[in-house]
Amino acid sequence: MLNKHGNIQNFIGCDASYDDAKIVIFGAPFDSTTSNRPGARFGPAAIRNDSYGLETYSPYQDFDMDGAPIYDAGDIELPFGNPQPAMDAIDAAASAILGDGKVPVMLGGEHLLTYGAIRAALRLYPDLHIIHLDAHTDLRQDYLGEIYSHATVIRLCHEMLGDGKIHQFGIRSGTKEEFEWSVGRVNMQKYTLCGFNKLAQTLADAKTPVYFTLDLDVLDPSAFPGTGTPEAGGVSFAALLEAICALKQLKVVGCDVMELAPNLDTSSISTAIACKILRELLITLL
């Protein structure tokens, strides 16, 4: 159940009331289908805790989040082990936020949970498009026989949206079958974020509703090792920041930041990067 009545610990600068908020953050501490190294369930709490080492002011966008209309609802309770009730809970939380005319921002947690949030957004915006930044295609039909997995999430979303409405960037890992299946179904930019600004302008001109989903492993593991399935050859922080700032022109109706596993980076550099990315994303959405 979504907490609308205040949270003890917030992400920096996100202490508006629920009623006054334009944006509502909620954490999704779940990683039960993680295929490699677990720990993403600890991501939301780590982001909140480490955010207090970050300024509320962004020199990149010349904006201070202090007093911004953003409410942090804290983490929602999710069951361990069974992904379907977890996705239902995500769906319910995102639906409540969207139904109140606000933008949900989910902190993961594993990437499968995006399916629940997309399901909620699609009911309100049937012409929804997805912008997906990730190292992995996430287009498997199943993973070891399991349909609901962080390796199948975008395939599940495609089943709801259909061809041409999913735009992937930074992809550099997947099975041969996934890459072959993607042709003509999703728009994929391998390895880099090239073309992101052009896509953003096209979708903005068409006033298309967009859900933005960010798997933090799109970043190169030399900068961001704290994730369950790191892949060499990723993008830089600067390139990711530029893409996030390009979202300002879009009608973003929901978004998420997924797959930080803080236990896998004892330096806490990965968490610090996740905090900064979230700050810039929130400012972009205002």
Protein backbone atom coordinates (compact mmCIF):
# COMPACT_ATOMS: atom_id res chain seq x y z
CA MET A 1 0.00 0.00 0.00
CA LEU A 2 1.27 3.47 -0.91
CA ASN A 3 2.12 5.69 2.05
CA LYS A 4 0.59 9.14 1.52
CA HIS A 5 1.10 10.43 5.06
CA GLY A 6 4.81 11.22 5.33
CA ASN A 7 8.04 9.27 5.45
CA ILE A 8 10.75 9.40 8.12
CA GLN A 9 13.66 9.41 5.66
CA ASN A 10 13.36 11.08 2.27
CA PHE A 11 15.59 11.51 -0.72
CA ILE A 12 17.16 14.98 -0.33
CA GLY A 13 14.76 17.85 -0.93
CA CYS A 14 11.75 15.55 -1.43
CA ASP A 15 9.71 16.42 1.63
CA ALA A 16 6.62 18.04 0.11
CA SER A 17 3.26 16.66 1.18
CA TYR A 18 1.61 14.08 -1.02
CA ASP A 19 -1.23 16.46 -1.89
CA ASP A 20 1.15 19.22 -2.97
CA ALA A 21 3.50 16.97 -4.92
CA LYS A 22 3.83 16.81 -8.69
CA ILE A 23 6.20 13.83 -8.46
CA VAL A 24 5.96 10.86 -6.08
CA ILE A 25 8.93 8.61 -5.37
CA PHE A 26 8.46 5.08 -4.05
CA GLY A 27 10.96 2.31 -3.40
CA ALA A 28 10.58 -1.25 -4.67
CA PRO A 29 12.95 -3.48 -2.62
CA PHE A 30 12.70 -6.76 -4.54
CA ASP A 31 15.30 -8.89 -6.36
CA SER A 32 13.93 -12.43 -6.26
CA THR A 33 14.43 -13.18 -9.98
CA THR A 34 17.98 -11.79 -10.15
CA SER A 35 19.97 -14.15 -12.37
CA ASN A 36 23.50 -13.30 -11.27
CA ARG A 37 24.38 -11.34 -8.12
CA PRO A 38 21.56 -10.31 -5.73
CA GLY A 39 21.38 -7.11 -3.73
CA ALA A 40 19.13 -4.72 -5.69
CA ARG A 41 16.55 -4.98 -2.89
CA PHE A 42 18.88 -2.78 -0.84
CA GLY A 43 19.03 -0.07 -3.53
CA PRO A 44 16.17 2.24 -2.49
CA ALA A 45 17.27 2.52 1.15
CA ALA A 46 20.90 3.10 0.15
CA ILE A 47 19.92 5.87 -2.27
CA ARG A 48 17.94 7.70 0.40
CA ASN A 49 20.67 7.32 3.02
CA ASP A 50 23.55 8.39 0.77
CA SER A 51 21.60 11.26 -0.78
CA TYR A 52 22.45 13.38 2.25
CA GLY A 53 25.99 13.64 0.92
CA LEU A 54 24.63 15.35 -2.21
CA GLU A 55 23.62 18.99 -2.67
CA THR A 56 20.02 19.78 -3.57
CA TYR A 57 21.35 22.22 -6.18
CA SER A 58 22.26 21.01 -9.67
CA PRO A 59 24.87 23.12 -11.47
CA TYR A 60 24.09 21.12 -14.63
CA GLN A 61 20.51 22.42 -14.75
CA ASP A 62 20.89 25.51 -12.51
CA PHE A 63 18.06 24.38 -10.25
CA ASP A 64 17.72 23.76 -6.52
CA MET A 65 15.41 20.93 -5.44
CA ASP A 66 14.92 22.39 -1.99
CA GLY A 67 11.19 23.02 -1.61
CA ALA A 68 10.33 21.31 -4.90
CA PRO A 69 6.90 19.61 -5.19
CA ILE A 70 8.28 16.08 -4.74
CA TYR A 71 7.04 13.56 -2.17
CA ASP A 72 8.96 10.44 -1.14
CA ALA A 73 6.54 7.73 -0.06
CA GLY A 74 9.28 5.40 1.17
CA ASP A 75 9.43 1.72 0.24
CA ILE A 76 6.30 -0.31 -0.41
CA GLU A 77 6.10 -3.74 1.17
CA LEU A 78 6.80 -6.51 -1.33
CA PRO A 79 6.69 -10.29 -0.76
CA PHE A 80 9.87 -12.28 -1.22
CA GLY A 81 10.09 -15.11 -3.72
CA ASN A 82 6.94 -14.66 -5.81
CA PRO A 83 7.21 -11.96 -8.50
CA GLN A 84 3.53 -11.76 -9.47
CA PRO A 85 2.23 -10.33 -6.15
CA ALA A 86 5.17 -7.92 -6.22
CA MET A 87 4.23 -6.70 -9.69
CA ASP A 88 0.60 -6.35 -8.58
CA ALA A 89 1.73 -4.18 -5.67
CA ILE A 90 3.81 -2.02 -8.02
CA ASP A 91 0.83 -1.73 -10.36
CA ALA A 92 -1.40 -0.62 -7.47
CA ALA A 93 1.09 1.97 -6.21
CA ALA A 94 1.74 3.43 -9.68
CA SER A 95 -2.00 3.43 -10.45
CA ALA A 96 -2.75 5.38 -7.28
CA ILE A 97 -0.12 7.99 -8.12
CA LEU A 98 -1.18 8.31 -11.75
CA GLY A 99 -4.83 8.45 -10.74
CA ASP A 100 -4.05 11.47 -8.57
CA GLY A 101 -2.49 13.26 -11.53
CA LYS A 102 1.12 12.83 -10.39
CA VAL A 103 4.25 11.26 -11.92
CA PRO A 104 5.46 8.02 -10.27
CA VAL A 105 9.22 7.54 -9.91
CA MET A 106 10.15 4.02 -8.80
CA LEU A 107 13.49 3.14 -7.19
CA GLY A 108 14.53 -0.47 -7.67
CA GLY A 109 14.95 -3.19 -7.04
CA GLU A 110 15.24 -5.49 -10.00
CA HIS A 111 14.11 -4.53 -13.48
CA LEU A 112 11.17 -6.95 -13.68
CA LEU A 113 9.15 -4.57 -11.51
CA THR A 114 9.03 -2.09 -14.38
CA TYR A 115 6.40 -4.36 -15.92
CA GLY A 116 3.97 -3.57 -13.10
CA ALA A 117 4.49 0.18 -13.48
CA ILE A 118 4.14 0.03 -17.28
CA ARG A 119 0.92 -1.95 -16.88
CA ALA A 120 -0.49 0.86 -14.73
CA ALA A 121 0.64 3.63 -17.09
CA LEU A 122 -0.70 1.88 -20.18
CA ARG A 123 -4.24 1.80 -18.81
CA LEU A 124 -4.20 5.59 -18.61
CA TYR A 125 -2.08 6.21 -21.73
CA PRO A 126 -2.88 3.63 -24.44
CA ASP A 127 -0.46 5.30 -26.88
CA LEU A 128 2.44 4.97 -24.41
CA HIS A 129 6.04 4.61 -25.62
CA ILE A 130 8.94 3.25 -23.55
CA ILE A 131 12.48 4.61 -23.58
CA HIS A 132 14.73 1.90 -22.15
CA LEU A 133 18.40 2.40 -21.21
CA ASP A 134 20.18 -0.84 -20.34
CA ALA A 135 23.18 -3.05 -21.00
CA HIS A 136 20.84 -5.98 -21.70
CA THR A 137 18.07 -6.57 -24.20
CA ASP A 138 15.71 -8.08 -21.56
CA LEU A 139 13.83 -9.65 -24.47
CA ARG A 140 13.94 -13.32 -23.51
CA GLN A 141 10.67 -15.22 -23.74
CA ASP A 142 11.62 -16.95 -20.49
CA TYR A 143 14.67 -17.41 -18.29
CA LEU A 144 15.25 -21.02 -17.20
CA GLY A 145 11.55 -21.64 -17.77
CA GLU A 146 10.37 -18.58 -15.80
CA ILE A 147 8.31 -16.09 -17.82
CA TYR A 148 8.51 -13.36 -15.18
CA SER A 149 12.16 -12.39 -14.81
CA HIS A 150 14.35 -9.32 -15.01
CA ALA A 151 15.64 -10.91 -18.25
CA THR A 152 12.14 -10.94 -19.80
CA VAL A 153 10.71 -7.60 -18.69
CA ILE A 154 10.89 -5.74 -22.01
CA ARG A 155 9.51 -8.75 -23.89
CA LEU A 156 6.55 -8.67 -21.47
CA CYS A 157 6.11 -4.95 -22.10
CA HIS A 158 6.20 -5.52 -25.86
CA GLU A 159 3.33 -7.97 -25.52
CA MET A 160 1.25 -5.08 -24.14
CA LEU A 161 2.47 -2.23 -26.36
CA GLY A 162 3.19 -3.91 -29.70
CA ASP A 163 5.78 -3.07 -32.35
CA GLY A 164 7.59 0.25 -32.68
CA LYS A 165 6.81 1.67 -29.24
CA ILE A 166 9.91 0.54 -27.35
CA HIS A 167 13.19 2.41 -27.87
CA GLN A 168 16.33 0.81 -26.44
CA PHE A 169 19.75 2.41 -25.96
CA GLY A 170 23.12 1.17 -24.72
CA ILE A 171 22.32 -2.49 -25.40
CA ARG A 172 25.41 -4.69 -25.52
CA SER A 173 24.35 -8.07 -24.14
CA GLY A 174 21.72 -10.68 -24.96
CA THR A 175 21.21 -13.99 -26.69
CA LYS A 176 21.43 -14.31 -30.47
CA GLU A 177 17.71 -15.10 -30.47
CA GLU A 178 16.88 -11.89 -28.61
CA PHE A 179 18.76 -9.72 -31.09
CA GLU A 180 17.14 -11.52 -34.03
CA TRP A 181 13.66 -11.25 -32.50
CA SER A 182 14.09 -7.52 -31.86
CA VAL A 183 14.35 -6.64 -35.55
CA GLY A 184 11.18 -4.85 -36.67
CA ARG A 185 9.70 -5.05 -33.18
CA VAL A 186 11.77 -2.69 -31.03
CA ASN A 187 14.02 0.20 -31.98
CA MET A 188 17.47 -0.73 -30.66
CA GLN A 189 20.62 1.38 -30.50
CA LYS A 190 23.49 -0.92 -29.62
CA TYR A 191 26.37 0.10 -27.36
CA THR A 192 25.75 3.87 -27.15
CA LEU A 193 23.10 6.53 -26.61
CA CYS A 194 23.49 7.89 -30.14
CA GLY A 195 20.20 9.16 -31.53
CA PHE A 196 18.66 9.78 -28.11
CA ASN A 197 18.21 13.52 -28.60
CA LYS A 198 16.67 13.00 -32.04
CA LEU A 199 14.19 10.46 -30.66
CA ALA A 200 13.30 12.79 -27.78
CA GLN A 201 12.55 15.60 -30.23
CA THR A 202 10.40 13.32 -32.41
CA LEU A 203 8.35 12.07 -29.46
CA ALA A 204 8.05 15.60 -28.06
CA ASP A 205 6.76 16.96 -31.37
CA ALA A 206 4.10 14.23 -31.40
CA LYS A 207 3.22 14.90 -27.72
CA THR A 208 3.67 11.18 -27.09
CA PRO A 209 3.37 9.94 -23.48
CA VAL A 210 6.63 8.28 -22.44
CA TYR A 211 7.70 5.92 -19.67
CA PHE A 212 11.45 6.17 -19.04
CA THR A 213 13.13 3.10 -17.55
CA LEU A 214 16.78 3.21 -16.54
CA ASP A 215 18.74 0.10 -15.68
CA LEU A 216 21.87 1.55 -14.12
CA ASP A 217 24.02 -1.18 -15.64
CA VAL A 218 23.87 0.84 -18.87
CA LEU A 219 26.82 2.64 -17.26
CA ASP A 220 30.26 1.15 -17.71
CA PRO A 221 31.23 -1.00 -14.70
CA SER A 222 34.47 0.97 -14.35
CA ALA A 223 32.21 3.79 -13.09
CA PHE A 224 29.33 1.73 -11.74
CA PRO A 225 30.32 -1.73 -10.45
CA GLY A 226 27.47 -1.99 -7.94
CA THR A 227 24.97 -3.90 -10.02
CA GLY A 228 24.00 -7.54 -10.37
CA THR A 229 25.06 -8.14 -13.98
CA PRO A 230 27.78 -5.68 -15.00
CA GLU A 231 28.74 -5.52 -18.68
CA ALA A 232 31.94 -3.98 -20.03
CA GLY A 233 31.64 -1.34 -22.74
CA GLY A 234 29.01 0.83 -21.11
CA VAL A 235 28.24 4.52 -21.41
CA SER A 236 29.76 7.30 -19.33
CA PHE A 237 28.08 9.34 -16.62
CA ALA A 238 28.34 12.42 -18.86
CA ALA A 239 26.52 10.68 -21.74
CA LEU A 240 23.79 9.44 -19.42
CA LEU A 241 23.36 12.89 -17.89
CA GLU A 242 22.97 14.44 -21.34
CA ALA A 243 20.24 11.92 -22.20
CA ILE A 244 18.39 12.56 -18.95
CA CYS A 245 18.43 16.30 -19.51
CA ALA A 246 16.94 15.71 -22.99
CA LEU A 247 13.86 14.25 -21.31
CA LYS A 248 12.78 17.73 -20.22
CA GLN A 249 11.03 18.33 -23.55
CA LEU A 250 9.02 15.08 -23.29
CA LYS A 251 5.71 14.16 -21.73
CA VAL A 252 7.18 11.70 -19.21
CA VAL A 253 4.28 10.07 -17.35
CA GLY A 254 6.36 7.67 -15.26
CA CYS A 255 9.92 6.48 -14.80
CA ASP A 256 12.21 4.29 -12.75
CA VAL A 257 15.85 3.88 -11.73
CA MET A 258 16.67 0.20 -11.29
CA GLU A 259 19.30 -2.40 -10.41
CA LEU A 260 21.61 -0.63 -7.95
CA ALA A 261 23.03 -3.34 -5.69
CA PRO A 262 24.94 -1.32 -3.07
CA ASN A 263 26.36 -4.39 -1.35
CA LEU A 264 28.42 -5.12 -4.46
CA ASP A 265 30.37 -1.85 -4.27
CA THR A 266 31.83 -1.29 -0.82
CA SER A 267 33.26 2.06 -1.95
CA SER A 268 29.66 3.39 -2.27
CA ILE A 269 30.66 5.13 -5.51
CA SER A 270 27.83 3.36 -7.37
CA THR A 271 25.28 4.58 -4.83
CA ALA A 272 26.65 8.13 -5.06
CA ILE A 273 26.24 8.01 -8.84
CA ALA A 274 22.69 6.65 -8.52
CA CYS A 275 21.85 9.54 -6.18
CA LYS A 276 23.17 12.13 -8.61
CA ILE A 277 21.37 10.55 -11.55
CA LEU A 278 18.12 10.55 -9.56
CA ARG A 279 18.56 14.21 -8.60
CA GLU A 280 19.00 15.20 -12.24
CA LEU A 281 16.07 13.05 -13.35
CA LEU A 282 13.74 14.58 -10.76
CA ILE A 283 14.73 18.10 -11.75
CA THR A 284 14.13 17.24 -15.40
CA LEU A 285 10.60 16.07 -14.57
CA LEU A 286 9.60 19.26 -12.75
